[in-house]
Amino acid sequence: KALSQVLFLTTHLPAFFLRHRLRSHILEIRHLDRAMLRLGLGQLSEEELRAACYLRGLNSTHLKMSECRAWLEQWLGLSCKLQASDASLLANSMVLLSLNYVRAKE
């Protein structure tokens, strides 16, 4: 539900439009991931790091910067290995990595 809000998805839209919008958002995140990997996580400010985590589905309000960076490194490792045709796998990974992050549950 929270991820739907981040990606501006509502159930009031037709299924075709939702699929198209979700795929578009996922591919945009994938492009941002590749750019972030080239830039390096060390170049991001605290605010940018938290925003990057939030955009990818992780609530980082109660996490330390090192934990945000570690989670984002895991995410980038997965995201940058997948192809554009794997957009659905990347979308599911957003949910699984965010929900299963140990510190996110505390």
Protein backbone atom coordinates (compact mmCIF):
# COMPACT_ATOMS: atom_id res chain seq x y z
CA LYS A 1 0.00 0.00 0.00
CA ALA A 2 2.80 2.44 0.92
CA LEU A 3 4.66 1.57 -2.27
CA SER A 4 1.53 2.37 -4.27
CA GLN A 5 1.53 5.84 -2.77
CA VAL A 6 5.21 6.35 -3.60
CA LEU A 7 4.64 5.30 -7.21
CA PHE A 8 1.35 7.23 -7.53
CA LEU A 9 -0.72 4.13 -8.24
CA THR A 10 -4.40 4.04 -7.35
CA THR A 11 -6.93 1.26 -7.76
CA HIS A 12 -9.29 3.67 -9.49
CA LEU A 13 -7.33 3.43 -12.74
CA PRO A 14 -7.81 0.72 -15.38
CA ALA A 15 -5.48 -2.28 -15.05
CA PHE A 16 -3.73 -1.56 -18.35
CA PHE A 17 -2.89 1.97 -17.24
CA LEU A 18 -1.66 0.74 -13.85
CA ARG A 19 0.65 -1.82 -15.49
CA HIS A 20 2.01 0.80 -17.86
CA ARG A 21 2.57 3.33 -15.07
CA LEU A 22 4.23 0.76 -12.78
CA ARG A 23 6.55 -0.41 -15.55
CA SER A 24 7.43 3.19 -16.37
CA HIS A 25 8.27 3.96 -12.74
CA ILE A 26 10.32 0.79 -12.33
CA LEU A 27 12.35 1.52 -15.46
CA GLU A 28 12.93 5.09 -14.28
CA ILE A 29 14.21 3.79 -10.93
CA ARG A 30 16.44 1.37 -12.83
CA HIS A 31 17.98 4.26 -14.80
CA LEU A 32 18.47 6.22 -11.57
CA ASP A 33 20.13 3.17 -10.01
CA ARG A 34 22.66 2.91 -12.81
CA ALA A 35 23.47 6.62 -12.51
CA MET A 36 23.77 6.32 -8.73
CA LEU A 37 26.12 3.37 -9.09
CA ARG A 38 28.37 5.39 -11.41
CA LEU A 39 28.27 8.40 -9.07
CA GLY A 40 28.87 6.37 -5.93
CA LEU A 41 26.82 6.31 -2.75
CA GLY A 42 29.48 8.29 -0.92
CA GLN A 43 28.56 11.34 -2.99
CA LEU A 44 24.97 11.42 -1.68
CA SER A 45 23.93 13.66 1.18
CA GLU A 46 21.89 12.25 4.06
CA GLU A 47 18.69 13.69 2.61
CA GLU A 48 19.42 12.26 -0.85
CA LEU A 49 20.24 8.87 0.63
CA ARG A 50 16.97 8.75 2.58
CA ALA A 51 15.01 9.92 -0.47
CA ALA A 52 16.62 7.19 -2.58
CA CYS A 53 15.62 4.55 -0.02
CA TYR A 54 12.08 5.93 0.20
CA LEU A 55 11.66 5.93 -3.58
CA ARG A 56 12.61 2.26 -3.56
CA GLY A 57 10.09 1.39 -0.85
CA LEU A 58 12.14 1.50 2.37
CA ASN A 59 11.00 3.63 5.28
CA SER A 60 14.35 4.95 6.46
CA THR A 61 13.15 7.38 9.13
CA HIS A 62 14.43 5.20 11.99
CA LEU A 63 17.57 3.93 10.27
CA LYS A 64 21.13 5.12 10.68
CA MET A 65 22.91 6.43 7.61
CA SER A 66 25.15 3.38 7.52
CA GLU A 67 22.07 1.13 7.47
CA CYS A 68 20.49 3.17 4.66
CA ARG A 69 23.72 2.95 2.69
CA ALA A 70 24.00 -0.82 3.29
CA TRP A 71 20.41 -1.41 2.16
CA LEU A 72 20.89 0.77 -0.90
CA GLU A 73 24.07 -1.12 -1.80
CA GLN A 74 22.10 -4.38 -1.67
CA TRP A 75 19.38 -2.84 -3.80
CA LEU A 76 21.84 -1.51 -6.40
CA GLY A 77 23.54 -4.90 -6.56
CA LEU A 78 20.24 -6.48 -7.57
CA SER A 79 18.83 -3.67 -9.68
CA CYS A 80 21.86 -3.18 -11.88
CA LYS A 81 22.12 -6.89 -12.70
CA LEU A 82 18.57 -7.13 -14.03
CA GLN A 83 17.55 -6.35 -17.59
CA ALA A 84 14.73 -4.01 -18.62
CA SER A 85 12.64 -7.10 -19.40
CA ASP A 86 12.88 -8.06 -15.69
CA ALA A 87 10.80 -5.05 -14.54
CA SER A 88 8.25 -7.23 -12.74
CA LEU A 89 11.02 -8.98 -10.81
CA LEU A 90 12.44 -5.61 -9.81
CA ALA A 91 9.00 -4.41 -8.64
CA ASN A 92 8.55 -7.53 -6.50
CA SER A 93 12.07 -7.12 -5.16
CA MET A 94 11.16 -3.63 -3.95
CA VAL A 95 8.49 -5.12 -1.74
CA LEU A 96 10.52 -8.11 -0.55
CA LEU A 97 13.71 -6.20 0.26
CA SER A 98 11.81 -3.45 2.06
CA LEU A 99 9.60 -5.71 4.14
CA ASN A 100 12.35 -8.15 5.02
CA TYR A 101 14.96 -5.58 6.04
CA VAL A 102 15.70 -6.42 9.69
CA ARG A 103 15.95 -2.85 11.01
CA ALA A 104 12.84 -1.70 9.12
CA LYS A 105 10.69 -3.93 11.37
CA GLU A 106 11.96 -2.56 14.69
